[in-house]
Amino acid sequence: MTEATQPFFIVSSGRSGTAMMERLFGVFPQVDMHHEYMVQHVQPAAVRFQMGLINAQQATEILRATHKAGVLYSDAPFWGDASNKLSWLIPLLNRLFPTARFVHLVRDGRKVASSYFHKLGAECYDDSSTTALQAFYDADGALPAPPPEKKYWWPLPRRDDPRAAEFRRFDQFERIVYHWCEINRVIMRDLEAVPAARKHLVRLEDIVGRATERQCLLNFLGLPWDDRVAGLLARPHNVNRPEDYPLKPKQTDQFWHLAGGMMRTFGYHERPEYRVAYRGS
């Protein structure tokens, strides 16, 4: 146990390489690396906080019991968590860990939405689970909360969100696209309060394809080069079905209607949708 452990958090929309980051940083003996650490505690808390169902103090207490304790009891010089769940909790993490470094990991939203829809469809904004969380939210405490399974806990718009009524009419794919846009908007907003020296934006496609981007990421975190890094980035991880699913015409129209602005923000609007090459495909 040491108070000298340096924490870092990789925040993203999910389906953007966070599992790959766990394997990448796991090769460093000086890093105590995690992927979605204590997810059954953190995910419901993050969603409740984002939707205004718990306050900052309540959410912070959960982070104290999970991430603060994890860092405190680690003997490693570095402690990291790559988790889209933390994307909703950046201000709280920044207060709990005043020296923490944040990596905003971005991936082309078309690939993120397709991956969620085709590969995690049963546990990401499916109709039944979304209806359950919406009913719980609308009931203002009159209904019990859904269990802490992943499928139930994906943020819905707050009542005062101008998109709340439209969201209720979305199909599953549109809800996933909304998620990609909203979580990246929240990450960018909340990272504005973090000093420049403690935050770093990187596109998944760039660290996979460019050695200079990989070196910049390691430099930012204060880690040395390791020859295994390039090999670990050469193929996707956390892939339950090794298939690539380009968007269909209807999905393409839905995607650009909802996500065109965010795609321009990250410079993806000028890039064609790429194909993910899996081994053996």
C-alpha atoms as a PDB file:
ATOM      1  CA  MET A   1       0.000   0.000   0.000  1.00  0.00           C
ATOM      2  CA  THR A   2       1.428   3.373  -1.040  1.00  0.00           C
ATOM      3  CA  GLU A   3       0.190   6.916  -1.454  1.00  0.00           C
ATOM      4  CA  ALA A   4       2.754   7.442  -4.227  1.00  0.00           C
ATOM      5  CA  THR A   5       0.777   5.430  -6.796  1.00  0.00           C
ATOM      6  CA  GLN A   6      -0.063   7.562  -9.847  1.00  0.00           C
ATOM      7  CA  PRO A   7      -3.597   6.937 -11.137  1.00  0.00           C
ATOM      8  CA  PHE A   8      -4.727   7.338 -14.722  1.00  0.00           C
ATOM      9  CA  PHE A   9      -8.122   6.851 -16.317  1.00  0.00           C
ATOM     10  CA  ILE A  10      -8.915   6.034 -19.941  1.00  0.00           C
ATOM     11  CA  VAL A  11     -12.398   7.350 -20.684  1.00  0.00           C
ATOM     12  CA  SER A  12     -14.384   6.675 -23.832  1.00  0.00           C
ATOM     13  CA  SER A  13     -17.767   5.703 -25.210  1.00  0.00           C
ATOM     14  CA  GLY A  14     -16.933   2.021 -24.970  1.00  0.00           C
ATOM     15  CA  ARG A  15     -16.291  -0.299 -27.942  1.00  0.00           C
ATOM     16  CA  SER A  16     -13.346   2.017 -28.606  1.00  0.00           C
ATOM     17  CA  GLY A  17     -10.399  -0.073 -27.473  1.00  0.00           C
ATOM     18  CA  THR A  18     -10.606   0.074 -23.679  1.00  0.00           C
ATOM     19  CA  ALA A  19     -10.099  -3.707 -23.390  1.00  0.00           C
ATOM     20  CA  MET A  20      -7.122  -3.340 -25.700  1.00  0.00           C
ATOM     21  CA  MET A  21      -5.738  -0.645 -23.414  1.00  0.00           C
ATOM     22  CA  GLU A  22      -5.946  -3.035 -20.474  1.00  0.00           C
ATOM     23  CA  ARG A  23      -3.810  -5.565 -22.327  1.00  0.00           C
ATOM     24  CA  LEU A  24      -1.444  -2.926 -23.609  1.00  0.00           C
ATOM     25  CA  PHE A  25      -0.680  -1.363 -20.239  1.00  0.00           C
ATOM     26  CA  GLY A  26      -0.787  -4.737 -18.556  1.00  0.00           C
ATOM     27  CA  VAL A  27       2.581  -5.575 -20.140  1.00  0.00           C
ATOM     28  CA  PHE A  28       4.224  -2.945 -17.957  1.00  0.00           C
ATOM     29  CA  PRO A  29       5.226  -4.415 -14.585  1.00  0.00           C
ATOM     30  CA  GLN A  30       4.967  -0.973 -13.002  1.00  0.00           C
ATOM     31  CA  VAL A  31       1.261  -0.628 -13.945  1.00  0.00           C
ATOM     32  CA  ASP A  32      -1.647  -2.117 -11.993  1.00  0.00           C
ATOM     33  CA  MET A  33      -4.096  -2.056 -14.918  1.00  0.00           C
ATOM     34  CA  HIS A  34      -7.851  -2.697 -15.018  1.00  0.00           C
ATOM     35  CA  HIS A  35     -10.768  -2.715 -17.446  1.00  0.00           C
ATOM     36  CA  GLU A  36     -14.115  -1.499 -16.069  1.00  0.00           C
ATOM     37  CA  TYR A  37     -12.954  -1.894 -12.482  1.00  0.00           C
ATOM     38  CA  MET A  38     -15.775  -2.870 -10.077  1.00  0.00           C
ATOM     39  CA  VAL A  39     -18.268  -2.409 -12.913  1.00  0.00           C
ATOM     40  CA  GLN A  40     -21.375  -3.645 -11.084  1.00  0.00           C
ATOM     41  CA  HIS A  41     -20.892  -0.905  -8.504  1.00  0.00           C
ATOM     42  CA  VAL A  42     -19.608   1.856 -10.763  1.00  0.00           C
ATOM     43  CA  GLN A  43     -21.911   1.555 -13.769  1.00  0.00           C
ATOM     44  CA  PRO A  44     -25.213   1.998 -11.880  1.00  0.00           C
ATOM     45  CA  ALA A  45     -23.664   4.830  -9.850  1.00  0.00           C
ATOM     46  CA  ALA A  46     -22.398   6.588 -12.965  1.00  0.00           C
ATOM     47  CA  VAL A  47     -25.774   6.363 -14.685  1.00  0.00           C
ATOM     48  CA  ARG A  48     -27.637   7.512 -11.576  1.00  0.00           C
ATOM     49  CA  PHE A  49     -25.271  10.470 -11.266  1.00  0.00           C
ATOM     50  CA  GLN A  50     -25.582  11.426 -14.929  1.00  0.00           C
ATOM     51  CA  MET A  51     -29.375  11.251 -14.717  1.00  0.00           C
ATOM     52  CA  GLY A  52     -29.531  13.214 -11.453  1.00  0.00           C
ATOM     53  CA  LEU A  53     -30.739  10.284  -9.348  1.00  0.00           C
ATOM     54  CA  ILE A  54     -27.857  10.598  -6.878  1.00  0.00           C
ATOM     55  CA  ASN A  55     -25.747  13.623  -6.019  1.00  0.00           C
ATOM     56  CA  ALA A  56     -21.997  14.173  -6.240  1.00  0.00           C
ATOM     57  CA  GLN A  57     -21.402  13.193  -2.619  1.00  0.00           C
ATOM     58  CA  GLN A  58     -23.222   9.873  -3.015  1.00  0.00           C
ATOM     59  CA  ALA A  59     -21.378   9.031  -6.217  1.00  0.00           C
ATOM     60  CA  THR A  60     -18.067  10.035  -4.671  1.00  0.00           C
ATOM     61  CA  GLU A  61     -18.597   7.642  -1.778  1.00  0.00           C
ATOM     62  CA  ILE A  62     -18.901   4.785  -4.262  1.00  0.00           C
ATOM     63  CA  LEU A  63     -15.677   5.880  -5.958  1.00  0.00           C
ATOM     64  CA  ARG A  64     -13.974   6.036  -2.550  1.00  0.00           C
ATOM     65  CA  ALA A  65     -14.971   2.435  -1.882  1.00  0.00           C
ATOM     66  CA  THR A  66     -13.829   1.256  -5.318  1.00  0.00           C
ATOM     67  CA  HIS A  67     -11.199   3.325  -7.113  1.00  0.00           C
ATOM     68  CA  LYS A  68      -9.808   5.245  -4.166  1.00  0.00           C
ATOM     69  CA  ALA A  69      -9.348   2.027  -2.214  1.00  0.00           C
ATOM     70  CA  GLY A  70      -7.898   0.265  -5.257  1.00  0.00           C
ATOM     71  CA  VAL A  71      -5.255   2.936  -5.724  1.00  0.00           C
ATOM     72  CA  LEU A  72      -4.474   3.178  -2.010  1.00  0.00           C
ATOM     73  CA  TYR A  73      -3.888  -0.559  -1.632  1.00  0.00           C
ATOM     74  CA  SER A  74      -1.834  -0.923  -4.804  1.00  0.00           C
ATOM     75  CA  ASP A  75       1.926  -1.391  -4.530  1.00  0.00           C
ATOM     76  CA  ALA A  76       2.487  -0.403  -8.165  1.00  0.00           C
ATOM     77  CA  PRO A  77       3.856   2.988  -9.259  1.00  0.00           C
ATOM     78  CA  PHE A  78       0.874   3.373 -11.645  1.00  0.00           C
ATOM     79  CA  TRP A  79      -2.774   2.338 -11.329  1.00  0.00           C
ATOM     80  CA  GLY A  80      -5.064   2.549 -14.350  1.00  0.00           C
ATOM     81  CA  ASP A  81      -8.648   1.849 -15.309  1.00  0.00           C
ATOM     82  CA  ALA A  82      -9.927   1.871 -18.884  1.00  0.00           C
ATOM     83  CA  SER A  83     -13.682   2.240 -18.575  1.00  0.00           C
ATOM     84  CA  ASN A  84     -16.499   4.016 -20.378  1.00  0.00           C
ATOM     85  CA  LYS A  85     -18.369   3.997 -17.044  1.00  0.00           C
ATOM     86  CA  LEU A  86     -15.941   6.574 -15.637  1.00  0.00           C
ATOM     87  CA  SER A  87     -16.737   8.966 -18.467  1.00  0.00           C
ATOM     88  CA  TRP A  88     -19.735  10.264 -16.500  1.00  0.00           C
ATOM     89  CA  LEU A  89     -17.687  10.775 -13.311  1.00  0.00           C
ATOM     90  CA  ILE A  90     -14.684  12.850 -14.429  1.00  0.00           C
ATOM     91  CA  PRO A  91     -15.261  15.837 -12.096  1.00  0.00           C
ATOM     92  CA  LEU A  92     -15.510  13.506  -9.103  1.00  0.00           C
ATOM     93  CA  LEU A  93     -12.399  11.568 -10.101  1.00  0.00           C
ATOM     94  CA  ASN A  94     -10.533  14.821 -10.614  1.00  0.00           C
ATOM     95  CA  ARG A  95     -11.346  15.907  -7.064  1.00  0.00           C
ATOM     96  CA  LEU A  96     -10.542  12.525  -5.535  1.00  0.00           C
ATOM     97  CA  PHE A  97      -7.261  12.242  -7.452  1.00  0.00           C
ATOM     98  CA  PRO A  98      -5.762  15.725  -7.963  1.00  0.00           C
ATOM     99  CA  THR A  99      -2.777  14.321  -9.881  1.00  0.00           C
ATOM    100  CA  ALA A 100      -4.722  11.839 -12.035  1.00  0.00           C
ATOM    101  CA  ARG A 101      -4.173  11.794 -15.765  1.00  0.00           C
ATOM    102  CA  PHE A 102      -7.032  11.318 -18.195  1.00  0.00           C
ATOM    103  CA  VAL A 103      -6.872   9.815 -21.668  1.00  0.00           C
ATOM    104  CA  HIS A 104      -9.878  10.546 -23.868  1.00  0.00           C
ATOM    105  CA  LEU A 105      -9.958   7.576 -26.264  1.00  0.00           C
ATOM    106  CA  VAL A 106     -12.084   8.129 -29.364  1.00  0.00           C
ATOM    107  CA  ARG A 107     -13.087   5.790 -32.153  1.00  0.00           C
ATOM    108  CA  ASP A 108     -15.051   6.431 -35.345  1.00  0.00           C
ATOM    109  CA  GLY A 109     -18.670   6.552 -34.205  1.00  0.00           C
ATOM    110  CA  ARG A 110     -19.843   4.403 -37.092  1.00  0.00           C
ATOM    111  CA  LYS A 111     -17.724   1.508 -35.880  1.00  0.00           C
ATOM    112  CA  VAL A 112     -18.704   2.087 -32.250  1.00  0.00           C
ATOM    113  CA  ALA A 113     -22.425   2.120 -33.011  1.00  0.00           C
ATOM    114  CA  SER A 114     -22.196  -0.927 -35.249  1.00  0.00           C
ATOM    115  CA  SER A 115     -20.149  -2.844 -32.684  1.00  0.00           C
ATOM    116  CA  TYR A 116     -22.572  -2.105 -29.857  1.00  0.00           C
ATOM    117  CA  PHE A 117     -25.601  -2.908 -31.991  1.00  0.00           C
ATOM    118  CA  HIS A 118     -24.386  -6.174 -33.494  1.00  0.00           C
ATOM    119  CA  LYS A 119     -22.116  -7.530 -30.776  1.00  0.00           C
ATOM    120  CA  LEU A 120     -23.610  -6.252 -27.516  1.00  0.00           C
ATOM    121  CA  GLY A 121     -27.202  -5.765 -28.581  1.00  0.00           C
ATOM    122  CA  ALA A 122     -28.625  -7.834 -25.732  1.00  0.00           C
ATOM    123  CA  GLU A 123     -26.974  -5.648 -23.099  1.00  0.00           C
ATOM    124  CA  CYS A 124     -26.906  -2.160 -24.602  1.00  0.00           C
ATOM    125  CA  TYR A 125     -30.092  -0.075 -24.905  1.00  0.00           C
ATOM    126  CA  ASP A 126     -32.259  -3.067 -25.795  1.00  0.00           C
ATOM    127  CA  ASP A 127     -35.973  -2.252 -25.763  1.00  0.00           C
ATOM    128  CA  SER A 128     -36.882  -4.176 -22.615  1.00  0.00           C
ATOM    129  CA  SER A 129     -34.051  -2.918 -20.399  1.00  0.00           C
ATOM    130  CA  THR A 130     -34.411   0.664 -21.634  1.00  0.00           C
ATOM    131  CA  THR A 131     -38.131   0.573 -20.892  1.00  0.00           C
ATOM    132  CA  ALA A 132     -37.380  -0.732 -17.400  1.00  0.00           C
ATOM    133  CA  LEU A 133     -34.918   2.052 -16.599  1.00  0.00           C
ATOM    134  CA  GLN A 134     -37.243   4.670 -18.091  1.00  0.00           C
ATOM    135  CA  ALA A 135     -40.108   3.434 -15.915  1.00  0.00           C
ATOM    136  CA  PHE A 136     -37.880   3.530 -12.832  1.00  0.00           C
ATOM    137  CA  TYR A 137     -36.795   7.087 -13.680  1.00  0.00           C
ATOM    138  CA  ASP A 138     -40.338   8.269 -14.368  1.00  0.00           C
ATOM    139  CA  ALA A 139     -41.657   6.757 -11.136  1.00  0.00           C
ATOM    140  CA  ASP A 140     -39.588   9.081  -8.897  1.00  0.00           C
ATOM    141  CA  GLY A 141     -38.833   6.414  -6.327  1.00  0.00           C
ATOM    142  CA  ALA A 142     -42.149   4.561  -6.468  1.00  0.00           C
ATOM    143  CA  LEU A 143     -40.567   1.567  -8.226  1.00  0.00           C
ATOM    144  CA  PRO A 144     -37.545  -0.503  -7.152  1.00  0.00           C
ATOM    145  CA  ALA A 145     -34.362   0.014  -9.133  1.00  0.00           C
ATOM    146  CA  PRO A 146     -33.363  -2.516 -11.790  1.00  0.00           C
ATOM    147  CA  PRO A 147     -30.631  -4.963 -10.731  1.00  0.00           C
ATOM    148  CA  PRO A 148     -27.000  -3.924 -11.312  1.00  0.00           C
ATOM    149  CA  GLU A 149     -26.676  -5.795 -14.601  1.00  0.00           C
ATOM    150  CA  LYS A 150     -25.009  -3.969 -17.449  1.00  0.00           C
ATOM    151  CA  LYS A 151     -28.040  -4.174 -19.708  1.00  0.00           C
ATOM    152  CA  TYR A 152     -30.167  -1.936 -17.481  1.00  0.00           C
ATOM    153  CA  TRP A 153     -27.721   0.869 -16.800  1.00  0.00           C
ATOM    154  CA  TRP A 154     -27.205   3.083 -19.838  1.00  0.00           C
ATOM    155  CA  PRO A 155     -28.005   6.782 -19.349  1.00  0.00           C
ATOM    156  CA  LEU A 156     -31.295   8.203 -20.555  1.00  0.00           C
ATOM    157  CA  PRO A 157     -31.827  11.922 -21.149  1.00  0.00           C
ATOM    158  CA  ARG A 158     -32.882  13.895 -18.091  1.00  0.00           C
ATOM    159  CA  ARG A 159     -36.358  15.375 -18.068  1.00  0.00           C
ATOM    160  CA  ASP A 160     -35.013  18.840 -18.838  1.00  0.00           C
ATOM    161  CA  ASP A 161     -32.987  17.605 -21.825  1.00  0.00           C
ATOM    162  CA  PRO A 162     -34.552  18.947 -25.037  1.00  0.00           C
ATOM    163  CA  ARG A 163     -33.938  15.533 -26.628  1.00  0.00           C
ATOM    164  CA  ALA A 164     -35.846  13.594 -23.960  1.00  0.00           C
ATOM    165  CA  ALA A 165     -39.121  13.318 -25.867  1.00  0.00           C
ATOM    166  CA  GLU A 166     -37.392  12.429 -29.130  1.00  0.00           C
ATOM    167  CA  PHE A 167     -35.275   9.797 -27.377  1.00  0.00           C
ATOM    168  CA  ARG A 168     -38.398   7.900 -26.309  1.00  0.00           C
ATOM    169  CA  ARG A 169     -39.172   7.368 -30.004  1.00  0.00           C
ATOM    170  CA  PHE A 170     -35.695   6.118 -30.891  1.00  0.00           C
ATOM    171  CA  ASP A 171     -35.051   2.550 -31.906  1.00  0.00           C
ATOM    172  CA  GLN A 172     -32.137   0.663 -30.370  1.00  0.00           C
ATOM    173  CA  PHE A 173     -29.614   1.757 -32.989  1.00  0.00           C
ATOM    174  CA  GLU A 174     -30.549   5.419 -32.552  1.00  0.00           C
ATOM    175  CA  ARG A 175     -30.211   5.116 -28.776  1.00  0.00           C
ATOM    176  CA  ILE A 176     -26.692   3.732 -29.251  1.00  0.00           C
ATOM    177  CA  VAL A 177     -25.762   6.606 -31.562  1.00  0.00           C
ATOM    178  CA  TYR A 178     -27.138   9.054 -29.002  1.00  0.00           C
ATOM    179  CA  HIS A 179     -24.904   7.395 -26.420  1.00  0.00           C
ATOM    180  CA  TRP A 180     -21.771   7.869 -28.539  1.00  0.00           C
ATOM    181  CA  CYS A 181     -22.550  11.539 -29.041  1.00  0.00           C
ATOM    182  CA  GLU A 182     -23.604  12.297 -25.478  1.00  0.00           C
ATOM    183  CA  ILE A 183     -20.789  10.518 -23.684  1.00  0.00           C
ATOM    184  CA  ASN A 184     -18.161  12.220 -25.819  1.00  0.00           C
ATOM    185  CA  ARG A 185     -19.870  15.573 -25.270  1.00  0.00           C
ATOM    186  CA  VAL A 186     -19.763  15.028 -21.506  1.00  0.00           C
ATOM    187  CA  ILE A 187     -16.126  13.906 -21.588  1.00  0.00           C
ATOM    188  CA  MET A 188     -15.067  17.006 -23.526  1.00  0.00           C
ATOM    189  CA  ARG A 189     -17.108  19.298 -21.274  1.00  0.00           C
ATOM    190  CA  ASP A 190     -15.741  17.852 -18.047  1.00  0.00           C
ATOM    191  CA  LEU A 191     -12.146  17.641 -19.204  1.00  0.00           C
ATOM    192  CA  GLU A 192     -12.164  21.398 -19.763  1.00  0.00           C
ATOM    193  CA  ALA A 193     -11.649  21.751 -15.990  1.00  0.00           C
ATOM    194  CA  VAL A 194      -8.608  19.446 -16.042  1.00  0.00           C
ATOM    195  CA  PRO A 195      -5.213  21.124 -16.659  1.00  0.00           C
ATOM    196  CA  ALA A 196      -3.760  20.494 -20.109  1.00  0.00           C
ATOM    197  CA  ALA A 197      -0.774  18.636 -18.664  1.00  0.00           C
ATOM    198  CA  ARG A 198      -3.105  15.990 -17.218  1.00  0.00           C
ATOM    199  CA  LYS A 199      -5.275  15.172 -20.236  1.00  0.00           C
ATOM    200  CA  HIS A 200      -4.640  13.648 -23.629  1.00  0.00           C
ATOM    201  CA  LEU A 201      -6.922  13.024 -26.606  1.00  0.00           C
ATOM    202  CA  VAL A 202      -6.152  10.090 -28.894  1.00  0.00           C
ATOM    203  CA  ARG A 203      -8.035   8.356 -31.693  1.00  0.00           C
ATOM    204  CA  LEU A 204      -7.952   4.576 -31.622  1.00  0.00           C
ATOM    205  CA  GLU A 205      -7.214   4.471 -35.330  1.00  0.00           C
ATOM    206  CA  ASP A 206      -4.173   6.703 -34.845  1.00  0.00           C
ATOM    207  CA  ILE A 207      -2.531   4.741 -32.037  1.00  0.00           C
ATOM    208  CA  VAL A 208      -3.090   1.520 -33.975  1.00  0.00           C
ATOM    209  CA  GLY A 209      -1.575   2.919 -37.156  1.00  0.00           C
ATOM    210  CA  ARG A 210       1.052   5.431 -36.041  1.00  0.00           C
ATOM    211  CA  ALA A 211       4.110   4.753 -33.926  1.00  0.00           C
ATOM    212  CA  THR A 212       4.404   8.455 -33.103  1.00  0.00           C
ATOM    213  CA  GLU A 213       0.906   8.458 -31.550  1.00  0.00           C
ATOM    214  CA  ARG A 214       1.775   5.416 -29.457  1.00  0.00           C
ATOM    215  CA  GLN A 215       4.938   7.088 -28.243  1.00  0.00           C
ATOM    216  CA  CYS A 216       3.033  10.279 -27.379  1.00  0.00           C
ATOM    217  CA  LEU A 217       0.569   8.283 -25.290  1.00  0.00           C
ATOM    218  CA  LEU A 218       3.338   6.526 -23.383  1.00  0.00           C
ATOM    219  CA  ASN A 219       5.174   9.810 -22.883  1.00  0.00           C
ATOM    220  CA  PHE A 220       2.022  11.426 -21.532  1.00  0.00           C
ATOM    221  CA  LEU A 221       1.611   8.685 -18.934  1.00  0.00           C
ATOM    222  CA  GLY A 222       5.310   8.600 -18.090  1.00  0.00           C
ATOM    223  CA  LEU A 223       5.889   5.052 -19.340  1.00  0.00           C
ATOM    224  CA  PRO A 224       8.848   3.755 -21.366  1.00  0.00           C
ATOM    225  CA  TRP A 225       8.591   2.197 -24.811  1.00  0.00           C
ATOM    226  CA  ASP A 226       7.998  -1.564 -24.882  1.00  0.00           C
ATOM    227  CA  ASP A 227       8.406  -3.511 -28.130  1.00  0.00           C
ATOM    228  CA  ARG A 228       5.288  -5.551 -27.356  1.00  0.00           C
ATOM    229  CA  VAL A 229       3.033  -2.492 -27.672  1.00  0.00           C
ATOM    230  CA  ALA A 230       2.783  -2.517 -31.466  1.00  0.00           C
ATOM    231  CA  GLY A 231       1.925  -6.218 -31.523  1.00  0.00           C
ATOM    232  CA  LEU A 232      -0.826  -5.815 -28.957  1.00  0.00           C
ATOM    233  CA  LEU A 233      -2.401  -3.062 -31.044  1.00  0.00           C
ATOM    234  CA  ALA A 234      -2.246  -5.090 -34.256  1.00  0.00           C
ATOM    235  CA  ARG A 235      -5.518  -6.959 -33.651  1.00  0.00           C
ATOM    236  CA  PRO A 236      -8.788  -6.159 -31.885  1.00  0.00           C
ATOM    237  CA  HIS A 237      -9.450  -7.402 -28.360  1.00  0.00           C
ATOM    238  CA  ASN A 238     -12.684  -8.054 -26.463  1.00  0.00           C
ATOM    239  CA  VAL A 239     -14.262  -9.340 -29.668  1.00  0.00           C
ATOM    240  CA  ASN A 240     -17.025 -11.845 -29.000  1.00  0.00           C
ATOM    241  CA  ARG A 241     -17.862 -12.217 -32.704  1.00  0.00           C
ATOM    242  CA  PRO A 242     -14.990 -11.546 -35.160  1.00  0.00           C
ATOM    243  CA  GLU A 243     -17.169 -10.008 -37.845  1.00  0.00           C
ATOM    244  CA  ASP A 244     -17.274  -6.510 -39.301  1.00  0.00           C
ATOM    245  CA  TYR A 245     -20.674  -4.890 -39.857  1.00  0.00           C
ATOM    246  CA  PRO A 246     -20.672  -1.766 -42.039  1.00  0.00           C
ATOM    247  CA  LEU A 247     -23.749   0.410 -41.554  1.00  0.00           C
ATOM    248  CA  LYS A 248     -26.767  -0.281 -43.688  1.00  0.00           C
ATOM    249  CA  PRO A 249     -28.341   2.597 -45.659  1.00  0.00           C
ATOM    250  CA  LYS A 250     -31.058   3.289 -43.057  1.00  0.00           C
ATOM    251  CA  GLN A 251     -28.525   3.161 -40.242  1.00  0.00           C
ATOM    252  CA  THR A 252     -26.217   5.486 -42.163  1.00  0.00           C
ATOM    253  CA  ASP A 253     -29.015   8.054 -42.447  1.00  0.00           C
ATOM    254  CA  GLN A 254     -29.871   7.697 -38.745  1.00  0.00           C
ATOM    255  CA  PHE A 255     -26.243   7.956 -37.750  1.00  0.00           C
ATOM    256  CA  TRP A 256     -25.427  11.130 -39.665  1.00  0.00           C
ATOM    257  CA  HIS A 257     -28.661  12.797 -38.572  1.00  0.00           C
ATOM    258  CA  LEU A 258     -27.748  12.309 -34.911  1.00  0.00           C
ATOM    259  CA  ALA A 259     -23.952  12.246 -34.963  1.00  0.00           C
ATOM    260  CA  GLY A 260     -22.854  14.443 -37.852  1.00  0.00           C
ATOM    261  CA  GLY A 261     -21.743  17.278 -35.572  1.00  0.00           C
ATOM    262  CA  MET A 262     -19.704  15.030 -33.292  1.00  0.00           C
ATOM    263  CA  MET A 263     -18.095  13.302 -36.261  1.00  0.00           C
ATOM    264  CA  ARG A 264     -16.944  16.700 -37.533  1.00  0.00           C
ATOM    265  CA  THR A 265     -15.602  17.562 -34.068  1.00  0.00           C
ATOM    266  CA  PHE A 266     -13.243  14.587 -34.177  1.00  0.00           C
ATOM    267  CA  GLY A 267     -12.409  14.858 -37.872  1.00  0.00           C
ATOM    268  CA  TYR A 268     -14.143  11.648 -38.882  1.00  0.00           C
ATOM    269  CA  HIS A 269     -16.529  13.295 -41.338  1.00  0.00           C
ATOM    270  CA  GLU A 270     -13.831  13.289 -44.026  1.00  0.00           C
ATOM    271  CA  ARG A 271     -12.781   9.685 -43.414  1.00  0.00           C
ATOM    272  CA  PRO A 272     -14.516   6.779 -45.158  1.00  0.00           C
ATOM    273  CA  GLU A 273     -15.887   4.049 -42.942  1.00  0.00           C
ATOM    274  CA  TYR A 274     -13.055   1.570 -42.587  1.00  0.00           C
ATOM    275  CA  ARG A 275     -13.234  -2.191 -42.421  1.00  0.00           C
ATOM    276  CA  VAL A 276     -11.986  -4.029 -39.336  1.00  0.00           C
ATOM    277  CA  ALA A 277      -9.722  -6.879 -40.462  1.00  0.00           C
ATOM    278  CA  TYR A 278      -9.895  -9.868 -38.135  1.00  0.00           C
ATOM    279  CA  ARG A 279      -7.470 -12.749 -38.361  1.00  0.00           C
ATOM    280  CA  GLY A 280      -8.815 -15.373 -40.684  1.00  0.00           C
ATOM    281  CA  SER A 281     -11.337 -13.010 -42.295  1.00  0.00           C
END
